[in-house]
Amino acid sequence: ATPSDVVRLRTYVVDHRPEKLGIIVPEIAKFYGEVDPAPNTLVGVAALALPDFLIEIEATAAIS
């Protein structure tokens, strides 16, 4: 799959605050490059699987 195949993102962020968007959004834009990004739902969470994890991105792609 490529970035153009991604139809949905769900981004989990530990202790989300609005200022974290300034870090997250540019990184997601780099992944997509020239492709229009898929819809993204940002979910603030207390913790992820391991203590060092601060962000987790779940992507759904549709390929033929």
C-alpha atoms as a PDB file:
ATOM      1  CA  ALA A   1       0.000   0.000   0.000  1.00  0.00           C
ATOM      2  CA  THR A   2       1.029   3.605  -0.566  1.00  0.00           C
ATOM      3  CA  PRO A   3      -0.114   6.863   1.062  1.00  0.00           C
ATOM      4  CA  SER A   4      -2.709   7.292  -1.702  1.00  0.00           C
ATOM      5  CA  ASP A   5      -4.318   3.979  -0.625  1.00  0.00           C
ATOM      6  CA  VAL A   6      -4.931   5.168   2.948  1.00  0.00           C
ATOM      7  CA  VAL A   7      -8.616   5.903   3.475  1.00  0.00           C
ATOM      8  CA  ARG A   8      -8.612   6.615   7.222  1.00  0.00           C
ATOM      9  CA  LEU A   9      -6.199   7.434  10.037  1.00  0.00           C
ATOM     10  CA  ARG A  10      -6.763   7.287  13.757  1.00  0.00           C
ATOM     11  CA  THR A  11      -4.033   8.972  15.798  1.00  0.00           C
ATOM     12  CA  TYR A  12      -3.735   8.238  19.519  1.00  0.00           C
ATOM     13  CA  VAL A  13      -1.779  10.839  21.504  1.00  0.00           C
ATOM     14  CA  VAL A  14      -0.767  10.520  25.161  1.00  0.00           C
ATOM     15  CA  ASP A  15      -1.783  13.571  27.222  1.00  0.00           C
ATOM     16  CA  HIS A  16      -2.973  15.450  24.144  1.00  0.00           C
ATOM     17  CA  ARG A  17      -2.789  19.222  24.189  1.00  0.00           C
ATOM     18  CA  PRO A  18      -3.514  21.528  21.225  1.00  0.00           C
ATOM     19  CA  GLU A  19       0.138  22.579  20.950  1.00  0.00           C
ATOM     20  CA  LYS A  20       1.082  18.979  20.100  1.00  0.00           C
ATOM     21  CA  LEU A  21      -0.672  19.442  16.758  1.00  0.00           C
ATOM     22  CA  GLY A  22       2.268  21.614  15.691  1.00  0.00           C
ATOM     23  CA  ILE A  23       4.438  18.496  15.876  1.00  0.00           C
ATOM     24  CA  ILE A  24       1.980  15.859  14.662  1.00  0.00           C
ATOM     25  CA  VAL A  25       0.424  17.562  11.625  1.00  0.00           C
ATOM     26  CA  PRO A  26       3.709  18.310   9.774  1.00  0.00           C
ATOM     27  CA  GLU A  27       4.883  14.706  10.245  1.00  0.00           C
ATOM     28  CA  ILE A  28       1.654  13.320   8.824  1.00  0.00           C
ATOM     29  CA  ALA A  29       1.935  15.775   5.919  1.00  0.00           C
ATOM     30  CA  LYS A  30       5.462  14.469   5.204  1.00  0.00           C
ATOM     31  CA  PHE A  31       4.095  10.923   5.001  1.00  0.00           C
ATOM     32  CA  TYR A  32       1.489  11.951   2.420  1.00  0.00           C
ATOM     33  CA  GLY A  33       3.725  14.228   0.350  1.00  0.00           C
ATOM     34  CA  GLU A  34       1.697  15.497  -2.612  1.00  0.00           C
ATOM     35  CA  VAL A  35      -1.252  13.152  -1.925  1.00  0.00           C
ATOM     36  CA  ASP A  36      -4.375  14.552  -0.234  1.00  0.00           C
ATOM     37  CA  PRO A  37      -4.438  13.158   3.324  1.00  0.00           C
ATOM     38  CA  ALA A  38      -7.148  10.771   4.456  1.00  0.00           C
ATOM     39  CA  PRO A  39      -9.558  11.796   7.219  1.00  0.00           C
ATOM     40  CA  ASN A  40      -7.818  11.612  10.590  1.00  0.00           C
ATOM     41  CA  THR A  41      -9.419  11.224  14.000  1.00  0.00           C
ATOM     42  CA  LEU A  42      -7.177  12.352  16.859  1.00  0.00           C
ATOM     43  CA  VAL A  43      -7.834  10.612  20.164  1.00  0.00           C
ATOM     44  CA  GLY A  44      -6.270  11.752  23.435  1.00  0.00           C
ATOM     45  CA  VAL A  45      -5.352   8.824  25.694  1.00  0.00           C
ATOM     46  CA  ALA A  46      -3.814   8.398  29.149  1.00  0.00           C
ATOM     47  CA  ALA A  47      -1.247   5.819  27.998  1.00  0.00           C
ATOM     48  CA  LEU A  48      -0.310   3.434  25.196  1.00  0.00           C
ATOM     49  CA  ALA A  49       1.092  -0.124  25.253  1.00  0.00           C
ATOM     50  CA  LEU A  50       4.526   0.868  26.589  1.00  0.00           C
ATOM     51  CA  PRO A  51       5.460   3.851  28.774  1.00  0.00           C
ATOM     52  CA  ASP A  52       7.846   5.272  26.132  1.00  0.00           C
ATOM     53  CA  PHE A  53       5.141   5.338  23.442  1.00  0.00           C
ATOM     54  CA  LEU A  54       3.714   8.848  23.041  1.00  0.00           C
ATOM     55  CA  ILE A  55       1.827   8.474  19.753  1.00  0.00           C
ATOM     56  CA  GLU A  56       0.262   5.614  17.819  1.00  0.00           C
ATOM     57  CA  ILE A  57      -1.181   5.862  14.325  1.00  0.00           C
ATOM     58  CA  GLU A  58      -3.690   3.347  13.008  1.00  0.00           C
ATOM     59  CA  ALA A  59      -4.177   3.428   9.233  1.00  0.00           C
ATOM     60  CA  THR A  60      -6.770   1.734   7.066  1.00  0.00           C
ATOM     61  CA  ALA A  61      -5.901   1.277   3.397  1.00  0.00           C
ATOM     62  CA  ALA A  62      -8.004   0.089   0.475  1.00  0.00           C
ATOM     63  CA  ILE A  63      -6.087  -1.682  -2.262  1.00  0.00           C
ATOM     64  CA  SER A  64      -7.254  -3.593  -5.298  1.00  0.00           C
END
